[in-house]
Amino acid sequence: MSTRGWTFDELARAIGLRAMGEDYTDIALRLNRPRLEVVRQVGAARSLIRAEMWIQPLLAEPRREEPVEVPVPGTPVLRPYRVRPDIDELAAMTARDNTAALMGDPAPGRSALERKRS
């Protein structure tokens, strides 16, 4: 049995080779360590990894991403929505000053001072 300690590199290589489906015997030969020691270290590392919550997404199976369609220049872009015909009128009706709208200031032309002048 080997008495030397495990380096992070050796442990990472052992875990990676096991994750790729290598047999413990092959891993032990590559790392020049006894098979039983490799089995124990990978098992201990696995139990420590399971205890860490942040690492679970890293150990999950990689998700296949959907292929992205690249638009061809010059083709029309079809969108699932339409622009409202009265959008300019709605924009004109909204308050121009967000602070005034938030604080409850009257609309332009509706203040008491402006009513008094007219």
PDB file of N, CA and C in Angstrom:
ATOM      1  N   MET A   1       0.839  -1.173   0.000  1.00  0.00           N
ATOM      2  CA  MET A   1       0.000   0.000   0.000  1.00  0.00           C
ATOM      3  C   MET A   1       0.893   1.248   0.000  1.00  0.00           C
ATOM      4  N   SER A   2       0.501   2.232  -0.735  1.00  0.00           N
ATOM      5  CA  SER A   2       1.273   3.463  -0.835  1.00  0.00           C
ATOM      6  C   SER A   2       1.051   4.315   0.408  1.00  0.00           C
ATOM      7  N   THR A   3       2.111   4.908   0.893  1.00  0.00           N
ATOM      8  CA  THR A   3       1.992   5.755   2.083  1.00  0.00           C
ATOM      9  C   THR A   3       2.019   7.226   1.732  1.00  0.00           C
ATOM     10  N   ARG A   4       2.302   7.528   0.499  1.00  0.00           N
ATOM     11  CA  ARG A   4       2.347   8.946   0.120  1.00  0.00           C
ATOM     12  C   ARG A   4       0.924   9.479  -0.018  1.00  0.00           C
ATOM     13  N   GLY A   5       0.783  10.764   0.269  1.00  0.00           N
ATOM     14  CA  GLY A   5      -0.529  11.385   0.188  1.00  0.00           C
ATOM     15  C   GLY A   5      -0.947  11.660  -1.257  1.00  0.00           C
ATOM     16  N   TRP A   6      -2.198  11.992  -1.392  1.00  0.00           N
ATOM     17  CA  TRP A   6      -2.753  12.293  -2.715  1.00  0.00           C
ATOM     18  C   TRP A   6      -2.634  13.778  -2.978  1.00  0.00           C
ATOM     19  N   THR A   7      -2.220  14.131  -4.171  1.00  0.00           N
ATOM     20  CA  THR A   7      -2.215  15.539  -4.570  1.00  0.00           C
ATOM     21  C   THR A   7      -3.569  15.853  -5.193  1.00  0.00           C
ATOM     22  N   PHE A   8      -3.889  17.137  -5.293  1.00  0.00           N
ATOM     23  CA  PHE A   8      -5.146  17.526  -5.927  1.00  0.00           C
ATOM     24  C   PHE A   8      -5.180  17.087  -7.387  1.00  0.00           C
ATOM     25  N   ASP A   9      -4.049  17.144  -8.036  1.00  0.00           N
ATOM     26  CA  ASP A   9      -3.972  16.740  -9.434  1.00  0.00           C
ATOM     27  C   ASP A   9      -4.307  15.265  -9.596  1.00  0.00           C
ATOM     28  N   GLU A  10      -3.733  14.419  -8.720  1.00  0.00           N
ATOM     29  CA  GLU A  10      -4.009  12.984  -8.801  1.00  0.00           C
ATOM     30  C   GLU A  10      -5.476  12.693  -8.513  1.00  0.00           C
ATOM     31  N   LEU A  11      -6.017  13.350  -7.516  1.00  0.00           N
ATOM     32  CA  LEU A  11      -7.422  13.134  -7.176  1.00  0.00           C
ATOM     33  C   LEU A  11      -8.332  13.602  -8.310  1.00  0.00           C
ATOM     34  N   ALA A  12      -8.018  14.738  -8.898  1.00  0.00           N
ATOM     35  CA  ALA A  12      -8.822  15.250 -10.006  1.00  0.00           C
ATOM     36  C   ALA A  12      -8.734  14.312 -11.208  1.00  0.00           C
ATOM     37  N   ARG A  13      -7.551  13.797 -11.484  1.00  0.00           N
ATOM     38  CA  ARG A  13      -7.387  12.853 -12.597  1.00  0.00           C
ATOM     39  C   ARG A  13      -8.164  11.576 -12.335  1.00  0.00           C
ATOM     40  N   ALA A  14      -8.119  11.068 -11.090  1.00  0.00           N
ATOM     41  CA  ALA A  14      -8.841   9.842 -10.753  1.00  0.00           C
ATOM     42  C   ALA A  14     -10.342  10.031 -10.906  1.00  0.00           C
ATOM     43  N   ILE A  15     -10.853  11.151 -10.385  1.00  0.00           N
ATOM     44  CA  ILE A  15     -12.298  11.424 -10.493  1.00  0.00           C
ATOM     45  C   ILE A  15     -12.692  11.606 -11.949  1.00  0.00           C
ATOM     46  N   GLY A  16     -11.866  12.335 -12.702  1.00  0.00           N
ATOM     47  CA  GLY A  16     -12.178  12.560 -14.112  1.00  0.00           C
ATOM     48  C   GLY A  16     -12.155  11.287 -14.922  1.00  0.00           C
ATOM     49  N   LEU A  17     -11.158  10.438 -14.695  1.00  0.00           N
ATOM     50  CA  LEU A  17     -11.092   9.166 -15.429  1.00  0.00           C
ATOM     51  C   LEU A  17     -12.271   8.271 -15.072  1.00  0.00           C
ATOM     52  N   ARG A  18     -12.660   8.264 -13.802  1.00  0.00           N
ATOM     53  CA  ARG A  18     -13.811   7.453 -13.390  1.00  0.00           C
ATOM     54  C   ARG A  18     -15.091   7.997 -14.009  1.00  0.00           C
ATOM     55  N   ALA A  19     -15.211   9.318 -14.078  1.00  0.00           N
ATOM     56  CA  ALA A  19     -16.402   9.923 -14.685  1.00  0.00           C
ATOM     57  C   ALA A  19     -16.485   9.608 -16.174  1.00  0.00           C
ATOM     58  N   MET A  20     -15.338   9.410 -16.806  1.00  0.00           N
ATOM     59  CA  MET A  20     -15.330   9.052 -18.226  1.00  0.00           C
ATOM     60  C   MET A  20     -15.567   7.566 -18.448  1.00  0.00           C
ATOM     61  N   GLY A  21     -15.694   6.794 -17.350  1.00  0.00           N
ATOM     62  CA  GLY A  21     -16.026   5.382 -17.488  1.00  0.00           C
ATOM     63  C   GLY A  21     -14.845   4.436 -17.373  1.00  0.00           C
ATOM     64  N   GLU A  22     -13.687   4.938 -16.981  1.00  0.00           N
ATOM     65  CA  GLU A  22     -12.509   4.069 -16.837  1.00  0.00           C
ATOM     66  C   GLU A  22     -12.685   3.152 -15.627  1.00  0.00           C
ATOM     67  N   ASP A  23     -12.093   1.976 -15.705  1.00  0.00           N
ATOM     68  CA  ASP A  23     -12.123   1.013 -14.613  1.00  0.00           C
ATOM     69  C   ASP A  23     -11.116   1.434 -13.542  1.00  0.00           C
ATOM     70  N   TYR A  24     -11.385   1.058 -12.294  1.00  0.00           N
ATOM     71  CA  TYR A  24     -10.475   1.409 -11.213  1.00  0.00           C
ATOM     72  C   TYR A  24      -9.074   0.840 -11.437  1.00  0.00           C
ATOM     73  N   THR A  25      -8.994  -0.338 -12.051  1.00  0.00           N
ATOM     74  CA  THR A  25      -7.687  -0.949 -12.319  1.00  0.00           C
ATOM     75  C   THR A  25      -6.878  -0.088 -13.281  1.00  0.00           C
ATOM     76  N   ASP A  26      -7.526   0.408 -14.330  1.00  0.00           N
ATOM     77  CA  ASP A  26      -6.835   1.268 -15.294  1.00  0.00           C
ATOM     78  C   ASP A  26      -6.397   2.582 -14.648  1.00  0.00           C
ATOM     79  N   ILE A  27      -7.255   3.127 -13.792  1.00  0.00           N
ATOM     80  CA  ILE A  27      -6.914   4.375 -13.112  1.00  0.00           C
ATOM     81  C   ILE A  27      -5.709   4.152 -12.198  1.00  0.00           C
ATOM     82  N   ALA A  28      -5.713   3.027 -11.472  1.00  0.00           N
ATOM     83  CA  ALA A  28      -4.600   2.719 -10.572  1.00  0.00           C
ATOM     84  C   ALA A  28      -3.293   2.575 -11.346  1.00  0.00           C
ATOM     85  N   LEU A  29      -3.346   1.960 -12.517  1.00  0.00           N
ATOM     86  CA  LEU A  29      -2.139   1.812 -13.332  1.00  0.00           C
ATOM     87  C   LEU A  29      -1.633   3.172 -13.805  1.00  0.00           C
ATOM     88  N   ARG A  30      -2.532   4.034 -14.221  1.00  0.00           N
ATOM     89  CA  ARG A  30      -2.118   5.356 -14.706  1.00  0.00           C
ATOM     90  C   ARG A  30      -1.526   6.219 -13.601  1.00  0.00           C
ATOM     91  N   LEU A  31      -2.067   6.074 -12.389  1.00  0.00           N
ATOM     92  CA  LEU A  31      -1.594   6.900 -11.277  1.00  0.00           C
ATOM     93  C   LEU A  31      -0.474   6.229 -10.481  1.00  0.00           C
ATOM     94  N   ASN A  32      -0.167   4.973 -10.827  1.00  0.00           N
ATOM     95  CA  ASN A  32       0.867   4.206 -10.137  1.00  0.00           C
ATOM     96  C   ASN A  32       0.533   4.069  -8.648  1.00  0.00           C
ATOM     97  N   ARG A  33      -0.701   3.629  -8.400  1.00  0.00           N
ATOM     98  CA  ARG A  33      -1.187   3.440  -7.038  1.00  0.00           C
ATOM     99  C   ARG A  33      -1.939   2.119  -6.981  1.00  0.00           C
ATOM    100  N   PRO A  34      -2.071   1.542  -5.778  1.00  0.00           N
ATOM    101  CA  PRO A  34      -2.852   0.305  -5.646  1.00  0.00           C
ATOM    102  C   PRO A  34      -4.330   0.540  -5.950  1.00  0.00           C
ATOM    103  N   ARG A  35      -4.985  -0.485  -6.514  1.00  0.00           N
ATOM    104  CA  ARG A  35      -6.390  -0.378  -6.905  1.00  0.00           C
ATOM    105  C   ARG A  35      -7.270  -0.046  -5.712  1.00  0.00           C
ATOM    106  N   LEU A  36      -7.063  -0.719  -4.588  1.00  0.00           N
ATOM    107  CA  LEU A  36      -7.895  -0.501  -3.404  1.00  0.00           C
ATOM    108  C   LEU A  36      -7.788   0.938  -2.905  1.00  0.00           C
ATOM    109  N   GLU A  37      -6.605   1.507  -2.974  1.00  0.00           N
ATOM    110  CA  GLU A  37      -6.417   2.898  -2.553  1.00  0.00           C
ATOM    111  C   GLU A  37      -7.179   3.853  -3.463  1.00  0.00           C
ATOM    112  N   VAL A  38      -7.161   3.576  -4.764  1.00  0.00           N
ATOM    113  CA  VAL A  38      -7.905   4.412  -5.716  1.00  0.00           C
ATOM    114  C   VAL A  38      -9.395   4.318  -5.440  1.00  0.00           C
ATOM    115  N   VAL A  39      -9.887   3.099  -5.200  1.00  0.00           N
ATOM    116  CA  VAL A  39     -11.315   2.912  -4.921  1.00  0.00           C
ATOM    117  C   VAL A  39     -11.707   3.691  -3.663  1.00  0.00           C
ATOM    118  N   ARG A  40     -10.903   3.615  -2.627  1.00  0.00           N
ATOM    119  CA  ARG A  40     -11.218   4.315  -1.371  1.00  0.00           C
ATOM    120  C   ARG A  40     -11.183   5.836  -1.549  1.00  0.00           C
ATOM    121  N   GLN A  41     -10.178   6.351  -2.247  1.00  0.00           N
ATOM    122  CA  GLN A  41     -10.061   7.802  -2.410  1.00  0.00           C
ATOM    123  C   GLN A  41     -11.190   8.367  -3.265  1.00  0.00           C
ATOM    124  N   VAL A  42     -11.524   7.682  -4.342  1.00  0.00           N
ATOM    125  CA  VAL A  42     -12.617   8.163  -5.201  1.00  0.00           C
ATOM    126  C   VAL A  42     -13.933   8.087  -4.441  1.00  0.00           C
ATOM    127  N   GLY A  43     -14.135   7.039  -3.658  1.00  0.00           N
ATOM    128  CA  GLY A  43     -15.350   6.923  -2.844  1.00  0.00           C
ATOM    129  C   GLY A  43     -15.439   8.025  -1.807  1.00  0.00           C
ATOM    130  N   ALA A  44     -14.311   8.315  -1.149  1.00  0.00           N
ATOM    131  CA  ALA A  44     -14.306   9.386  -0.147  1.00  0.00           C
ATOM    132  C   ALA A  44     -14.563  10.740  -0.804  1.00  0.00           C
ATOM    133  N   ALA A  45     -13.946  10.951  -1.953  1.00  0.00           N
ATOM    134  CA  ALA A  45     -14.157  12.224  -2.663  1.00  0.00           C
ATOM    135  C   ALA A  45     -15.606  12.361  -3.091  1.00  0.00           C
ATOM    136  N   ARG A  46     -16.198  11.256  -3.530  1.00  0.00           N
ATOM    137  CA  ARG A  46     -17.600  11.287  -3.949  1.00  0.00           C
ATOM    138  C   ARG A  46     -18.511  11.663  -2.786  1.00  0.00           C
ATOM    139  N   SER A  47     -18.266  11.092  -1.609  1.00  0.00           N
ATOM    140  CA  SER A  47     -19.124  11.413  -0.464  1.00  0.00           C
ATOM    141  C   SER A  47     -18.930  12.864  -0.028  1.00  0.00           C
ATOM    142  N   LEU A  48     -17.715  13.388  -0.125  1.00  0.00           N
ATOM    143  CA  LEU A  48     -17.489  14.795   0.207  1.00  0.00           C
ATOM    144  C   LEU A  48     -18.153  15.711  -0.810  1.00  0.00           C
ATOM    145  N   ILE A  49     -18.095  15.322  -2.066  1.00  0.00           N
ATOM    146  CA  ILE A  49     -18.703  16.140  -3.118  1.00  0.00           C
ATOM    147  C   ILE A  49     -20.212  16.177  -2.950  1.00  0.00           C
ATOM    148  N   ARG A  50     -20.816  15.047  -2.577  1.00  0.00           N
ATOM    149  CA  ARG A  50     -22.269  15.013  -2.392  1.00  0.00           C
ATOM    150  C   ARG A  50     -22.714  15.923  -1.253  1.00  0.00           C
ATOM    151  N   ALA A  51     -21.837  16.128  -0.276  1.00  0.00           N
ATOM    152  CA  ALA A  51     -22.182  16.983   0.864  1.00  0.00           C
ATOM    153  C   ALA A  51     -22.166  18.456   0.494  1.00  0.00           C
ATOM    154  N   GLU A  52     -21.490  18.824  -0.570  1.00  0.00           N
ATOM    155  CA  GLU A  52     -21.421  20.220  -1.001  1.00  0.00           C
ATOM    156  C   GLU A  52     -22.580  20.519  -1.945  1.00  0.00           C
ATOM    157  N   MET A  53     -23.365  21.538  -1.612  1.00  0.00           N
ATOM    158  CA  MET A  53     -24.545  21.862  -2.420  1.00  0.00           C
ATOM    159  C   MET A  53     -24.183  22.611  -3.692  1.00  0.00           C
ATOM    160  N   TRP A  54     -23.142  23.414  -3.668  1.00  0.00           N
ATOM    161  CA  TRP A  54     -22.808  24.252  -4.819  1.00  0.00           C
ATOM    162  C   TRP A  54     -22.238  23.448  -5.967  1.00  0.00           C
ATOM    163  N   ILE A  55     -21.761  22.253  -5.708  1.00  0.00           N
ATOM    164  CA  ILE A  55     -21.074  21.507  -6.749  1.00  0.00           C
ATOM    165  C   ILE A  55     -22.030  20.606  -7.542  1.00  0.00           C
ATOM    166  N   GLN A  56     -23.250  20.403  -7.039  1.00  0.00           N
ATOM    167  CA  GLN A  56     -24.193  19.514  -7.718  1.00  0.00           C
ATOM    168  C   GLN A  56     -24.465  19.912  -9.169  1.00  0.00           C
ATOM    169  N   PRO A  57     -24.688  21.207  -9.471  1.00  0.00           N
ATOM    170  CA  PRO A  57     -24.897  21.557 -10.885  1.00  0.00           C
ATOM    171  C   PRO A  57     -23.686  21.257 -11.757  1.00  0.00           C
ATOM    172  N   LEU A  58     -22.502  21.295 -11.175  1.00  0.00           N
ATOM    173  CA  LEU A  58     -21.301  20.996 -11.958  1.00  0.00           C
ATOM    174  C   LEU A  58     -21.207  19.518 -12.303  1.00  0.00           C
ATOM    175  N   LEU A  59     -21.778  18.662 -11.461  1.00  0.00           N
ATOM    176  CA  LEU A  59     -21.710  17.231 -11.682  1.00  0.00           C
ATOM    177  C   LEU A  59     -22.861  16.709 -12.528  1.00  0.00           C
ATOM    178  N   ALA A  60     -23.843  17.552 -12.803  1.00  0.00           N
ATOM    179  CA  ALA A  60     -24.993  17.126 -13.586  1.00  0.00           C
ATOM    180  C   ALA A  60     -24.580  16.852 -15.034  1.00  0.00           C
ATOM    181  N   GLU A  61     -25.400  16.067 -15.688  1.00  0.00           N
ATOM    182  CA  GLU A  61     -25.155  15.772 -17.101  1.00  0.00           C
ATOM    183  C   GLU A  61     -25.231  17.058 -17.909  1.00  0.00           C
ATOM    184  N   PRO A  62     -24.333  17.245 -18.846  1.00  0.00           N
ATOM    185  CA  PRO A  62     -24.406  18.463 -19.666  1.00  0.00           C
ATOM    186  C   PRO A  62     -25.674  18.463 -20.510  1.00  0.00           C
ATOM    187  N   ARG A  63     -26.314  19.630 -20.563  1.00  0.00           N
ATOM    188  CA  ARG A  63     -27.534  19.755 -21.363  1.00  0.00           C
ATOM    189  C   ARG A  63     -27.176  20.113 -22.794  1.00  0.00           C
ATOM    190  N   ARG A  64     -27.879  19.513 -23.691  1.00  0.00           N
ATOM    191  CA  ARG A  64     -27.668  19.861 -25.094  1.00  0.00           C
ATOM    192  C   ARG A  64     -28.458  21.115 -25.398  1.00  0.00           C
ATOM    193  N   GLU A  65     -27.770  22.076 -25.944  1.00  0.00           N
ATOM    194  CA  GLU A  65     -28.433  23.339 -26.255  1.00  0.00           C
ATOM    195  C   GLU A  65     -29.049  23.259 -27.642  1.00  0.00           C
ATOM    196  N   GLU A  66     -30.143  23.971 -27.780  1.00  0.00           N
ATOM    197  CA  GLU A  66     -30.818  24.028 -29.077  1.00  0.00           C
ATOM    198  C   GLU A  66     -29.962  24.818 -30.054  1.00  0.00           C
ATOM    199  N   PRO A  67     -29.928  24.393 -31.296  1.00  0.00           N
ATOM    200  CA  PRO A  67     -29.148  25.166 -32.277  1.00  0.00           C
ATOM    201  C   PRO A  67     -29.759  26.543 -32.487  1.00  0.00           C
ATOM    202  N   VAL A  68     -28.920  27.524 -32.636  1.00  0.00           N
ATOM    203  CA  VAL A  68     -29.357  28.906 -32.813  1.00  0.00           C
ATOM    204  C   VAL A  68     -29.436  29.196 -34.302  1.00  0.00           C
ATOM    205  N   GLU A  69     -30.590  29.727 -34.713  1.00  0.00           N
ATOM    206  CA  GLU A  69     -30.742  30.089 -36.118  1.00  0.00           C
ATOM    207  C   GLU A  69     -30.145  31.467 -36.350  1.00  0.00           C
ATOM    208  N   VAL A  70     -29.254  31.547 -37.305  1.00  0.00           N
ATOM    209  CA  VAL A  70     -28.629  32.815 -37.643  1.00  0.00           C
ATOM    210  C   VAL A  70     -29.429  33.448 -38.774  1.00  0.00           C
ATOM    211  N   PRO A  71     -29.942  34.677 -38.583  1.00  0.00           N
ATOM    212  CA  PRO A  71     -30.747  35.289 -39.643  1.00  0.00           C
ATOM    213  C   PRO A  71     -29.892  35.615 -40.868  1.00  0.00           C
ATOM    214  N   VAL A  72     -30.490  35.425 -42.017  1.00  0.00           N
ATOM    215  CA  VAL A  72     -29.814  35.740 -43.273  1.00  0.00           C
ATOM    216  C   VAL A  72     -30.026  37.220 -43.560  1.00  0.00           C
ATOM    217  N   PRO A  73     -28.965  37.955 -43.841  1.00  0.00           N
ATOM    218  CA  PRO A  73     -29.142  39.388 -44.127  1.00  0.00           C
ATOM    219  C   PRO A  73     -30.059  39.604 -45.329  1.00  0.00           C
ATOM    220  N   GLY A  74     -30.940  40.577 -45.195  1.00  0.00           N
ATOM    221  CA  GLY A  74     -31.840  40.921 -46.292  1.00  0.00           C
ATOM    222  C   GLY A  74     -33.196  40.248 -46.210  1.00  0.00           C
ATOM    223  N   THR A  75     -33.375  39.281 -45.318  1.00  0.00           N
ATOM    224  CA  THR A  75     -34.677  38.628 -45.189  1.00  0.00           C
ATOM    225  C   THR A  75     -35.503  39.369 -44.146  1.00  0.00           C
ATOM    226  N   PRO A  76     -36.827  39.404 -44.320  1.00  0.00           N
ATOM    227  CA  PRO A  76     -37.666  40.104 -43.345  1.00  0.00           C
ATOM    228  C   PRO A  76     -37.684  39.349 -42.013  1.00  0.00           C
ATOM    229  N   VAL A  77     -37.745  40.106 -40.936  1.00  0.00           N
ATOM    230  CA  VAL A  77     -37.802  39.520 -39.607  1.00  0.00           C
ATOM    231  C   VAL A  77     -39.264  39.458 -39.198  1.00  0.00           C
ATOM    232  N   LEU A  78     -39.754  38.252 -38.953  1.00  0.00           N
ATOM    233  CA  LEU A  78     -41.148  38.067 -38.549  1.00  0.00           C
ATOM    234  C   LEU A  78     -41.206  37.999 -37.033  1.00  0.00           C
ATOM    235  N   ARG A  79     -42.031  38.845 -36.455  1.00  0.00           N
ATOM    236  CA  ARG A  79     -42.146  38.887 -35.007  1.00  0.00           C
ATOM    237  C   ARG A  79     -43.564  38.462 -34.608  1.00  0.00           C
ATOM    238  N   PRO A  80     -43.710  37.871 -33.434  1.00  0.00           N
ATOM    239  CA  PRO A  80     -45.034  37.399 -33.010  1.00  0.00           C
ATOM    240  C   PRO A  80     -45.900  38.495 -32.394  1.00  0.00           C
ATOM    241  N   TYR A  81     -45.612  39.738 -32.640  1.00  0.00           N
ATOM    242  CA  TYR A  81     -46.408  40.815 -32.077  1.00  0.00           C
ATOM    243  C   TYR A  81     -46.592  41.906 -33.126  1.00  0.00           C
ATOM    244  N   ARG A  82     -47.547  42.786 -32.865  1.00  0.00           N
ATOM    245  CA  ARG A  82     -47.796  43.920 -33.756  1.00  0.00           C
ATOM    246  C   ARG A  82     -47.682  45.207 -32.957  1.00  0.00           C
ATOM    247  N   VAL A  83     -47.291  46.256 -33.612  1.00  0.00           N
ATOM    248  CA  VAL A  83     -47.214  47.558 -32.970  1.00  0.00           C
ATOM    249  C   VAL A  83     -48.611  48.166 -32.968  1.00  0.00           C
ATOM    250  N   ARG A  84     -49.018  48.695 -31.807  1.00  0.00           N
ATOM    251  CA  ARG A  84     -50.338  49.304 -31.725  1.00  0.00           C
ATOM    252  C   ARG A  84     -50.370  50.575 -32.558  1.00  0.00           C
ATOM    253  N   PRO A  85     -51.447  50.814 -33.289  1.00  0.00           N
ATOM    254  CA  PRO A  85     -51.504  52.024 -34.106  1.00  0.00           C
ATOM    255  C   PRO A  85     -51.585  53.300 -33.274  1.00  0.00           C
ATOM    256  N   ASP A  86     -52.081  53.212 -32.047  1.00  0.00           N
ATOM    257  CA  ASP A  86     -52.219  54.410 -31.229  1.00  0.00           C
ATOM    258  C   ASP A  86     -51.072  54.557 -30.226  1.00  0.00           C
ATOM    259  N   ILE A  87     -49.926  53.953 -30.508  1.00  0.00           N
ATOM    260  CA  ILE A  87     -48.812  53.984 -29.565  1.00  0.00           C
ATOM    261  C   ILE A  87     -48.287  55.401 -29.343  1.00  0.00           C
ATOM    262  N   ASP A  88     -48.304  56.240 -30.393  1.00  0.00           N
ATOM    263  CA  ASP A  88     -47.822  57.616 -30.228  1.00  0.00           C
ATOM    264  C   ASP A  88     -48.747  58.416 -29.318  1.00  0.00           C
ATOM    265  N   GLU A  89     -50.049  58.187 -29.431  1.00  0.00           N
ATOM    266  CA  GLU A  89     -50.998  58.888 -28.566  1.00  0.00           C
ATOM    267  C   GLU A  89     -50.830  58.444 -27.111  1.00  0.00           C
ATOM    268  N   LEU A  90     -50.612  57.166 -26.904  1.00  0.00           N
ATOM    269  CA  LEU A  90     -50.399  56.668 -25.543  1.00  0.00           C
ATOM    270  C   LEU A  90     -49.124  57.241 -24.945  1.00  0.00           C
ATOM    271  N   ALA A  91     -48.085  57.342 -25.751  1.00  0.00           N
ATOM    272  CA  ALA A  91     -46.828  57.902 -25.258  1.00  0.00           C
ATOM    273  C   ALA A  91     -46.997  59.370 -24.897  1.00  0.00           C
ATOM    274  N   ALA A  92     -47.818  60.105 -25.653  1.00  0.00           N
ATOM    275  CA  ALA A  92     -48.038  61.521 -25.358  1.00  0.00           C
ATOM    276  C   ALA A  92     -48.858  61.695 -24.084  1.00  0.00           C
ATOM    277  N   MET A  93     -49.735  60.735 -23.782  1.00  0.00           N
ATOM    278  CA  MET A  93     -50.594  60.838 -22.607  1.00  0.00           C
ATOM    279  C   MET A  93     -49.844  60.519 -21.312  1.00  0.00           C
ATOM    280  N   THR A  94     -48.779  59.780 -21.394  1.00  0.00           N
ATOM    281  CA  THR A  94     -48.071  59.401 -20.170  1.00  0.00           C
ATOM    282  C   THR A  94     -47.372  60.617 -19.584  1.00  0.00           C
ATOM    283  N   ALA A  95     -47.105  60.556 -18.296  1.00  0.00           N
ATOM    284  CA  ALA A  95     -46.437  61.672 -17.623  1.00  0.00           C
ATOM    285  C   ALA A  95     -45.017  61.810 -18.161  1.00  0.00           C
ATOM    286  N   ARG A  96     -44.618  63.042 -18.413  1.00  0.00           N
ATOM    287  CA  ARG A  96     -43.274  63.265 -18.952  1.00  0.00           C
ATOM    288  C   ARG A  96     -42.236  63.259 -17.847  1.00  0.00           C
ATOM    289  N   ASP A  97     -42.669  63.507 -16.629  1.00  0.00           N
ATOM    290  CA  ASP A  97     -41.749  63.542 -15.504  1.00  0.00           C
ATOM    291  C   ASP A  97     -42.156  62.430 -14.538  1.00  0.00           C
ATOM    292  N   ASN A  98     -41.300  61.449 -14.372  1.00  0.00           N
ATOM    293  CA  ASN A  98     -41.630  60.316 -13.509  1.00  0.00           C
ATOM    294  C   ASN A  98     -41.794  60.733 -12.054  1.00  0.00           C
ATOM    295  N   THR A  99     -40.991  61.676 -11.612  1.00  0.00           N
ATOM    296  CA  THR A  99     -41.096  62.140 -10.231  1.00  0.00           C
ATOM    297  C   THR A  99     -42.439  62.818  -9.990  1.00  0.00           C
ATOM    298  N   ALA A 100     -42.888  63.626 -10.950  1.00  0.00           N
ATOM    299  CA  ALA A 100     -44.181  64.306 -10.809  1.00  0.00           C
ATOM    300  C   ALA A 100     -45.309  63.284 -10.758  1.00  0.00           C
ATOM    301  N   ALA A 101     -45.212  62.254 -11.567  1.00  0.00           N
ATOM    302  CA  ALA A 101     -46.256  61.233 -11.563  1.00  0.00           C
ATOM    303  C   ALA A 101     -46.243  60.464 -10.252  1.00  0.00           C
ATOM    304  N   LEU A 102     -45.057  60.186  -9.739  1.00  0.00           N
ATOM    305  CA  LEU A 102     -44.939  59.436  -8.490  1.00  0.00           C
ATOM    306  C   LEU A 102     -45.448  60.232  -7.302  1.00  0.00           C
ATOM    307  N   MET A 103     -45.177  61.543  -7.290  1.00  0.00           N
ATOM    308  CA  MET A 103     -45.562  62.378  -6.162  1.00  0.00           C
ATOM    309  C   MET A 103     -46.983  62.919  -6.271  1.00  0.00           C
ATOM    310  N   GLY A 104     -47.649  62.654  -7.353  1.00  0.00           N
ATOM    311  CA  GLY A 104     -49.036  63.059  -7.492  1.00  0.00           C
ATOM    312  C   GLY A 104     -49.234  64.465  -7.993  1.00  0.00           C
ATOM    313  N   ASP A 105     -48.263  65.026  -8.677  1.00  0.00           N
ATOM    314  CA  ASP A 105     -48.433  66.368  -9.238  1.00  0.00           C
ATOM    315  C   ASP A 105     -49.516  66.327 -10.312  1.00  0.00           C
ATOM    316  N   PRO A 106     -50.287  67.373 -10.430  1.00  0.00           N
ATOM    317  CA  PRO A 106     -51.336  67.376 -11.453  1.00  0.00           C
ATOM    318  C   PRO A 106     -50.736  67.423 -12.855  1.00  0.00           C
ATOM    319  N   ALA A 107     -51.522  67.016 -13.812  1.00  0.00           N
ATOM    320  CA  ALA A 107     -51.086  67.028 -15.203  1.00  0.00           C
ATOM    321  C   ALA A 107     -50.877  68.467 -15.663  1.00  0.00           C
ATOM    322  N   PRO A 108     -50.068  68.682 -16.697  1.00  0.00           N
ATOM    323  CA  PRO A 108     -49.851  70.049 -17.192  1.00  0.00           C
ATOM    324  C   PRO A 108     -51.190  70.703 -17.562  1.00  0.00           C
ATOM    325  N   GLY A 109     -51.379  71.947 -17.101  1.00  0.00           N
ATOM    326  CA  GLY A 109     -52.617  72.676 -17.375  1.00  0.00           C
ATOM    327  C   GLY A 109     -53.705  72.441 -16.351  1.00  0.00           C
ATOM    328  N   ARG A 110     -53.452  71.560 -15.354  1.00  0.00           N
ATOM    329  CA  ARG A 110     -54.486  71.211 -14.383  1.00  0.00           C
ATOM    330  C   ARG A 110     -54.160  71.694 -12.972  1.00  0.00           C
ATOM    331  N   SER A 111     -53.045  72.384 -12.802  1.00  0.00           N
ATOM    332  CA  SER A 111     -52.697  72.837 -11.459  1.00  0.00           C
ATOM    333  C   SER A 111     -53.589  74.008 -11.043  1.00  0.00           C
ATOM    334  N   ALA A 112     -53.670  74.275  -9.754  1.00  0.00           N
ATOM    335  CA  ALA A 112     -54.512  75.352  -9.239  1.00  0.00           C
ATOM    336  C   ALA A 112     -54.028  76.714  -9.747  1.00  0.00           C
ATOM    337  N   LEU A 113     -52.717  76.911  -9.862  1.00  0.00           N
ATOM    338  CA  LEU A 113     -52.179  78.159 -10.327  1.00  0.00           C
ATOM    339  C   LEU A 113     -52.558  78.404 -11.795  1.00  0.00           C
ATOM    340  N   GLU A 114     -52.465  77.362 -12.601  1.00  0.00           N
ATOM    341  CA  GLU A 114     -52.824  77.518 -14.021  1.00  0.00           C
ATOM    342  C   GLU A 114     -54.316  77.722 -14.194  1.00  0.00           C
ATOM    343  N   ARG A 115     -55.121  77.118 -13.340  1.00  0.00           N
ATOM    344  CA  ARG A 115     -56.555  77.342 -13.422  1.00  0.00           C
ATOM    345  C   ARG A 115     -56.907  78.783 -13.025  1.00  0.00           C
ATOM    346  N   LYS A 116     -56.166  79.318 -12.060  1.00  0.00           N
ATOM    347  CA  LYS A 116     -56.439  80.666 -11.605  1.00  0.00           C
ATOM    348  C   LYS A 116     -56.099  81.686 -12.681  1.00  0.00           C
ATOM    349  N   ARG A 117     -55.017  81.414 -13.449  1.00  0.00           N
ATOM    350  CA  ARG A 117     -54.607  82.335 -14.513  1.00  0.00           C
ATOM    351  C   ARG A 117     -55.583  82.318 -15.661  1.00  0.00           C
ATOM    352  N   SER A 118     -56.259  81.249 -15.902  1.00  0.00           N
ATOM    353  CA  SER A 118     -57.139  81.205 -17.076  1.00  0.00           C
ATOM    354  C   SER A 118     -58.558  81.586 -16.788  1.00  0.00           C
TER     355      SER A 118
END
